[in-house]
C-alpha atoms as a PDB file:
ATOM      1  CA  UNK A   1      -0.136  -0.073  -0.055  1.00  0.00           C
ATOM      2  CA  UNK A   2       1.469   3.581  -0.854  1.00  0.00           C
ATOM      3  CA  UNK A   3       0.301   7.042  -0.408  1.00  0.00           C
ATOM      4  CA  UNK A   4      -0.572   8.847  -3.468  1.00  0.00           C
ATOM      5  CA  UNK A   5       0.528  12.167  -2.195  1.00  0.00           C
ATOM      6  CA  UNK A   6       4.231  10.693  -1.640  1.00  0.00           C
ATOM      7  CA  UNK A   7       4.609   7.542  -3.434  1.00  0.00           C
ATOM      8  CA  UNK A   8       5.955   6.124  -0.206  1.00  0.00           C
ATOM      9  CA  UNK A   9       4.566   3.241   1.520  1.00  0.00           C
ATOM     10  CA  UNK A  10       1.738   3.989   3.908  1.00  0.00           C
ATOM     11  CA  UNK A  11       2.617   4.398   7.540  1.00  0.00           C
ATOM     12  CA  UNK A  12       0.585   4.644  10.785  1.00  0.00           C
ATOM     13  CA  UNK A  13       1.774   5.604  14.215  1.00  0.00           C
ATOM     14  CA  UNK A  14       0.864   3.883  17.659  1.00  0.00           C
ATOM     15  CA  UNK A  15       0.988   6.434  19.908  1.00  0.00           C
ATOM     16  CA  UNK A  16       0.822   5.399  23.870  1.00  0.00           C
ATOM     17  CA  UNK A  17       0.877   8.105  26.832  1.00  0.00           C
ATOM     18  CA  UNK A  18       3.486   7.153  28.972  1.00  0.00           C
ATOM     19  CA  UNK A  19       2.606   9.669  31.908  1.00  0.00           C
ATOM     20  CA  UNK A  20       3.545  13.460  32.631  1.00  0.00           C
ATOM     21  CA  UNK A  21       7.118  14.353  31.200  1.00  0.00           C
ATOM     22  CA  UNK A  22       9.626  15.685  33.105  1.00  0.00           C
ATOM     23  CA  UNK A  23      13.077  17.089  32.324  1.00  0.00           C
ATOM     24  CA  UNK A  24      15.589  14.888  30.661  1.00  0.00           C
ATOM     25  CA  UNK A  25      18.854  14.242  31.977  1.00  0.00           C
ATOM     26  CA  UNK A  26      20.794  13.062  28.833  1.00  0.00           C
ATOM     27  CA  UNK A  27      22.904  16.057  27.144  1.00  0.00           C
ATOM     28  CA  UNK A  28      22.596  14.148  23.604  1.00  0.00           C
ATOM     29  CA  UNK A  29      18.904  14.340  23.513  1.00  0.00           C
ATOM     30  CA  UNK A  30      16.211  16.228  21.521  1.00  0.00           C
ATOM     31  CA  UNK A  31      12.423  16.571  22.571  1.00  0.00           C
ATOM     32  CA  UNK A  32      10.133  16.727  20.053  1.00  0.00           C
ATOM     33  CA  UNK A  33       6.273  18.170  20.992  1.00  0.00           C
ATOM     34  CA  UNK A  34       3.789  17.476  19.165  1.00  0.00           C
ATOM     35  CA  UNK A  35      -0.137  19.345  19.430  1.00  0.00           C
ATOM     36  CA  UNK A  36      -3.038  18.210  20.986  1.00  0.00           C
ATOM     37  CA  UNK A  37      -4.714  16.694  17.908  1.00  0.00           C
ATOM     38  CA  UNK A  38      -1.272  15.474  16.289  1.00  0.00           C
ATOM     39  CA  UNK A  39      -2.000  11.834  15.185  1.00  0.00           C
ATOM     40  CA  UNK A  40      -5.321  11.848  16.992  1.00  0.00           C
ATOM     41  CA  UNK A  41      -7.946  13.854  15.296  1.00  0.00           C
ATOM     42  CA  UNK A  42      -5.479  14.879  12.784  1.00  0.00           C
ATOM     43  CA  UNK A  43      -3.529  12.166  10.238  1.00  0.00           C
ATOM     44  CA  UNK A  44      -2.420  14.526   7.872  1.00  0.00           C
ATOM     45  CA  UNK A  45      -0.954  17.720   7.065  1.00  0.00           C
ATOM     46  CA  UNK A  46      -2.234  20.497   5.826  1.00  0.00           C
ATOM     47  CA  UNK A  47      -0.249  19.153   2.306  1.00  0.00           C
ATOM     48  CA  UNK A  48      -1.652  15.662   3.052  1.00  0.00           C
ATOM     49  CA  UNK A  49       1.508  14.294   4.151  1.00  0.00           C
ATOM     50  CA  UNK A  50       0.768  11.509   6.862  1.00  0.00           C
ATOM     51  CA  UNK A  51       1.569  12.877  10.212  1.00  0.00           C
ATOM     52  CA  UNK A  52       3.052   8.959  10.409  1.00  0.00           C
ATOM     53  CA  UNK A  53       5.395  10.003   7.780  1.00  0.00           C
ATOM     54  CA  UNK A  54       6.462  13.058   9.604  1.00  0.00           C
ATOM     55  CA  UNK A  55       7.340  11.436  12.475  1.00  0.00           C
ATOM     56  CA  UNK A  56       9.321   8.708  10.857  1.00  0.00           C
ATOM     57  CA  UNK A  57      11.334  11.652   9.189  1.00  0.00           C
ATOM     58  CA  UNK A  58      11.988  13.799  12.268  1.00  0.00           C
ATOM     59  CA  UNK A  59      13.337  10.606  13.893  1.00  0.00           C
ATOM     60  CA  UNK A  60      15.321   9.384  11.443  1.00  0.00           C
ATOM     61  CA  UNK A  61      16.841  12.675  10.886  1.00  0.00           C
ATOM     62  CA  UNK A  62      18.003  12.421  14.893  1.00  0.00           C
ATOM     63  CA  UNK A  63      18.917   8.811  14.901  1.00  0.00           C
ATOM     64  CA  UNK A  64      21.410   9.587  11.972  1.00  0.00           C
ATOM     65  CA  UNK A  65      23.054  12.021  14.090  1.00  0.00           C
ATOM     66  CA  UNK A  66      23.509   9.884  16.958  1.00  0.00           C
ATOM     67  CA  UNK A  67      21.420  11.488  19.181  1.00  0.00           C
ATOM     68  CA  UNK A  68      17.990  10.482  21.062  1.00  0.00           C
ATOM     69  CA  UNK A  69      14.835  11.459  20.877  1.00  0.00           C
ATOM     70  CA  UNK A  70      11.790  11.969  23.366  1.00  0.00           C
ATOM     71  CA  UNK A  71       8.506  12.778  21.992  1.00  0.00           C
ATOM     72  CA  UNK A  72       5.802  14.877  24.187  1.00  0.00           C
ATOM     73  CA  UNK A  73       2.295  15.758  23.266  1.00  0.00           C
ATOM     74  CA  UNK A  74       1.740  19.447  24.659  1.00  0.00           C
ATOM     75  CA  UNK A  75      -2.162  19.195  25.744  1.00  0.00           C
ATOM     76  CA  UNK A  76      -2.520  22.626  26.597  1.00  0.00           C
ATOM     77  CA  UNK A  77      -1.607  24.414  24.043  1.00  0.00           C
ATOM     78  CA  UNK A  78      -1.893  24.871  20.013  1.00  0.00           C
ATOM     79  CA  UNK A  79       0.732  27.539  20.273  1.00  0.00           C
ATOM     80  CA  UNK A  80       3.586  26.501  18.223  1.00  0.00           C
ATOM     81  CA  UNK A  81       6.152  28.412  20.020  1.00  0.00           C
ATOM     82  CA  UNK A  82       4.903  27.897  23.276  1.00  0.00           C
ATOM     83  CA  UNK A  83       4.783  23.738  21.888  1.00  0.00           C
ATOM     84  CA  UNK A  84       8.605  24.304  20.909  1.00  0.00           C
ATOM     85  CA  UNK A  85       9.862  26.109  23.533  1.00  0.00           C
ATOM     86  CA  UNK A  86       8.451  23.823  26.205  1.00  0.00           C
ATOM     87  CA  UNK A  87      10.005  20.871  24.434  1.00  0.00           C
ATOM     88  CA  UNK A  88      13.616  22.951  24.685  1.00  0.00           C
ATOM     89  CA  UNK A  89      12.857  23.100  28.755  1.00  0.00           C
ATOM     90  CA  UNK A  90      12.304  19.635  28.583  1.00  0.00           C
ATOM     91  CA  UNK A  91      15.137  18.279  26.939  1.00  0.00           C
ATOM     92  CA  UNK A  92      18.434  17.383  28.610  1.00  0.00           C
ATOM     93  CA  UNK A  93      20.299  19.460  25.610  1.00  0.00           C
ATOM     94  CA  UNK A  94      17.934  22.380  26.131  1.00  0.00           C
ATOM     95  CA  UNK A  95      16.821  21.764  22.118  1.00  0.00           C
ATOM     96  CA  UNK A  96      13.616  21.069  21.265  1.00  0.00           C
ATOM     97  CA  UNK A  97      10.963  21.015  17.786  1.00  0.00           C
ATOM     98  CA  UNK A  98       7.745  21.723  18.021  1.00  0.00           C
ATOM     99  CA  UNK A  99       5.162  20.335  14.929  1.00  0.00           C
ATOM    100  CA  UNK A 100       1.451  21.562  14.445  1.00  0.00           C
ATOM    101  CA  UNK A 101      -0.681  18.941  12.893  1.00  0.00           C
ATOM    102  CA  UNK A 102      -1.045  20.847   9.818  1.00  0.00           C
ATOM    103  CA  UNK A 103       2.748  20.874   9.783  1.00  0.00           C
ATOM    104  CA  UNK A 104       3.949  24.342  10.552  1.00  0.00           C
ATOM    105  CA  UNK A 105       7.434  23.456  12.863  1.00  0.00           C
ATOM    106  CA  UNK A 106       9.821  24.890  14.962  1.00  0.00           C
ATOM    107  CA  UNK A 107      13.612  24.313  16.033  1.00  0.00           C
ATOM    108  CA  UNK A 108      14.097  26.199  19.671  1.00  0.00           C
ATOM    109  CA  UNK A 109      16.322  26.464  22.343  1.00  0.00           C
ATOM    110  CA  UNK A 110      15.806  26.446  25.986  1.00  0.00           C
ATOM    111  CA  UNK A 111      17.338  29.990  26.925  1.00  0.00           C
ATOM    112  CA  UNK A 112      15.771  31.825  24.140  1.00  0.00           C
ATOM    113  CA  UNK A 113      12.699  33.896  24.644  1.00  0.00           C
ATOM    114  CA  UNK A 114       9.819  31.907  23.805  1.00  0.00           C
ATOM    115  CA  UNK A 115       8.845  34.001  20.590  1.00  0.00           C
ATOM    116  CA  UNK A 116      12.537  33.511  19.274  1.00  0.00           C
ATOM    117  CA  UNK A 117      13.919  30.109  17.787  1.00  0.00           C
ATOM    118  CA  UNK A 118      16.792  28.681  15.932  1.00  0.00           C
ATOM    119  CA  UNK A 119      14.518  27.715  12.919  1.00  0.00           C
ATOM    120  CA  UNK A 120      11.001  27.938  11.770  1.00  0.00           C
ATOM    121  CA  UNK A 121       9.266  26.302   8.928  1.00  0.00           C
ATOM    122  CA  UNK A 122       6.065  28.394   8.785  1.00  0.00           C
ATOM    123  CA  UNK A 123       4.674  27.721   5.526  1.00  0.00           C
ATOM    124  CA  UNK A 124       3.606  23.836   6.145  1.00  0.00           C
ATOM    125  CA  UNK A 125       1.812  23.789   2.634  1.00  0.00           C
ATOM    126  CA  UNK A 126       5.691  23.426   1.393  1.00  0.00           C
ATOM    127  CA  UNK A 127       7.572  21.310   3.573  1.00  0.00           C
ATOM    128  CA  UNK A 128       7.972  17.821   2.197  1.00  0.00           C
ATOM    129  CA  UNK A 129       9.199  14.680   4.144  1.00  0.00           C
ATOM    130  CA  UNK A 130      12.785  15.739   3.008  1.00  0.00           C
ATOM    131  CA  UNK A 131      12.356  18.790   4.989  1.00  0.00           C
ATOM    132  CA  UNK A 132      11.410  16.916   8.464  1.00  0.00           C
ATOM    133  CA  UNK A 133      14.377  14.416   8.106  1.00  0.00           C
ATOM    134  CA  UNK A 134      16.617  17.664   7.611  1.00  0.00           C
ATOM    135  CA  UNK A 135      14.618  19.425  10.475  1.00  0.00           C
ATOM    136  CA  UNK A 136      15.481  16.110  12.948  1.00  0.00           C
ATOM    137  CA  UNK A 137      18.976  16.147  11.603  1.00  0.00           C
ATOM    138  CA  UNK A 138      19.559  19.682  12.280  1.00  0.00           C
ATOM    139  CA  UNK A 139      18.034  19.839  15.754  1.00  0.00           C
ATOM    140  CA  UNK A 140      20.183  16.650  16.722  1.00  0.00           C
ATOM    141  CA  UNK A 141      23.326  18.861  15.421  1.00  0.00           C
ATOM    142  CA  UNK A 142      22.425  21.774  17.830  1.00  0.00           C
ATOM    143  CA  UNK A 143      21.997  19.434  20.660  1.00  0.00           C
ATOM    144  CA  UNK A 144      25.429  18.182  19.954  1.00  0.00           C
ATOM    145  CA  UNK A 145      26.958  21.943  19.981  1.00  0.00           C
ATOM    146  CA  UNK A 146      27.271  21.880  16.399  1.00  0.00           C
ATOM    147  CA  UNK A 147      25.776  25.025  13.995  1.00  0.00           C
ATOM    148  CA  UNK A 148      24.471  23.491  11.025  1.00  0.00           C
ATOM    149  CA  UNK A 149      23.139  25.506   8.195  1.00  0.00           C
ATOM    150  CA  UNK A 150      19.942  26.141   8.326  1.00  0.00           C
ATOM    151  CA  UNK A 151      17.052  23.331   6.433  1.00  0.00           C
ATOM    152  CA  UNK A 152      16.483  25.304   2.964  1.00  0.00           C
ATOM    153  CA  UNK A 153      12.939  25.446   2.391  1.00  0.00           C
ATOM    154  CA  UNK A 154      11.138  26.644  -0.680  1.00  0.00           C
ATOM    155  CA  UNK A 155       9.118  30.022  -0.493  1.00  0.00           C
ATOM    156  CA  UNK A 156       5.673  30.754  -2.319  1.00  0.00           C
ATOM    157  CA  UNK A 157       3.836  33.956  -1.486  1.00  0.00           C
ATOM    158  CA  UNK A 158       0.949  32.317  -3.045  1.00  0.00           C
ATOM    159  CA  UNK A 159       0.728  29.498  -0.530  1.00  0.00           C
ATOM    160  CA  UNK A 160      -0.626  31.830   2.123  1.00  0.00           C
ATOM    161  CA  UNK A 161      -3.680  32.926   0.217  1.00  0.00           C
ATOM    162  CA  UNK A 162      -4.064  29.552  -0.978  1.00  0.00           C
ATOM    163  CA  UNK A 163      -4.341  27.856   2.334  1.00  0.00           C
ATOM    164  CA  UNK A 164      -5.430  30.261   4.530  1.00  0.00           C
ATOM    165  CA  UNK A 165      -8.731  29.491   5.154  1.00  0.00           C
ATOM    166  CA  UNK A 166      -7.873  25.514   5.273  1.00  0.00           C
ATOM    167  CA  UNK A 167      -5.260  26.607   8.271  1.00  0.00           C
ATOM    168  CA  UNK A 168      -7.575  28.942  10.158  1.00  0.00           C
ATOM    169  CA  UNK A 169     -10.212  25.919  10.358  1.00  0.00           C
ATOM    170  CA  UNK A 170      -7.328  23.870  10.899  1.00  0.00           C
ATOM    171  CA  UNK A 171      -5.936  25.940  14.029  1.00  0.00           C
ATOM    172  CA  UNK A 172      -9.800  26.280  15.236  1.00  0.00           C
ATOM    173  CA  UNK A 173     -10.106  22.443  15.619  1.00  0.00           C
ATOM    174  CA  UNK A 174      -6.609  21.752  16.888  1.00  0.00           C
ATOM    175  CA  UNK A 175      -7.829  24.560  19.673  1.00  0.00           C
ATOM    176  CA  UNK A 176     -10.900  22.843  20.419  1.00  0.00           C
ATOM    177  CA  UNK A 177      -8.820  19.374  21.334  1.00  0.00           C
ATOM    178  CA  UNK A 178      -6.840  21.489  23.948  1.00  0.00           C
ATOM    179  CA  UNK A 179      -7.003  20.082  27.517  1.00  0.00           C
ATOM    180  CA  UNK A 180      -6.390  23.100  29.749  1.00  0.00           C
ATOM    181  CA  UNK A 181      -5.204  20.584  32.571  1.00  0.00           C
ATOM    182  CA  UNK A 182      -3.429  18.474  30.307  1.00  0.00           C
ATOM    183  CA  UNK A 183       0.273  19.263  30.647  1.00  0.00           C
ATOM    184  CA  UNK A 184       2.596  17.732  28.684  1.00  0.00           C
ATOM    185  CA  UNK A 185       2.689  13.807  28.385  1.00  0.00           C
ATOM    186  CA  UNK A 186       5.802  11.579  27.583  1.00  0.00           C
ATOM    187  CA  UNK A 187       4.750   9.387  24.765  1.00  0.00           C
ATOM    188  CA  UNK A 188       5.870   5.540  23.102  1.00  0.00           C
ATOM    189  CA  UNK A 189       5.755   6.314  19.524  1.00  0.00           C
ATOM    190  CA  UNK A 190       6.040   2.840  17.071  1.00  0.00           C
ATOM    191  CA  UNK A 191       5.779   3.718  13.096  1.00  0.00           C
ATOM    192  CA  UNK A 192       4.773   0.462  11.047  1.00  0.00           C
ATOM    193  CA  UNK A 193       3.391  -0.043   7.753  1.00  0.00           C
ATOM    194  CA  UNK A 194      -0.339   0.254   7.070  1.00  0.00           C
ATOM    195  CA  UNK A 195      -1.810  -2.995   7.436  1.00  0.00           C
ATOM    196  CA  UNK A 196       1.298  -4.686   9.248  1.00  0.00           C
END
């Protein structure tokens, strides 16, 4: 079975909550923070990339750099900067990644102001699986103390007007999924081929 959008084998993500997320002790880790509806209510980005594929690519990018990864769900916010910054503050290395269900992403560092970041990927419709892998790789390099070149991104001035209404609807739905008292939970994530 393949995804018609990507030409890749369709994958699913099995996500289990392990309990409240704590601060990591490892200096060689990245924490990936996902939004409330990521791989629960929503299963694809705004451009129809399966969210299981997004997770798989970020995980692979981090792993290729020899860095460990923890994944958490921020249940009480749909704000990307807050999700990424809170992930960074939980990370032993101080580096975190935040991803919203629609695909918008950010690499953050714990000592930066919440609205600052290391790298921002605001045009979700233009992000590809390769971009998500590179985001994982760069986050891992920052965790190792390196200074990688920023992930190359496409720019399309027409993407915003084309997707603005859809993005607004997705954000509204994501916000409806917030659990005000849910906090941040650590996740066990397994990626499998669909049907296996």
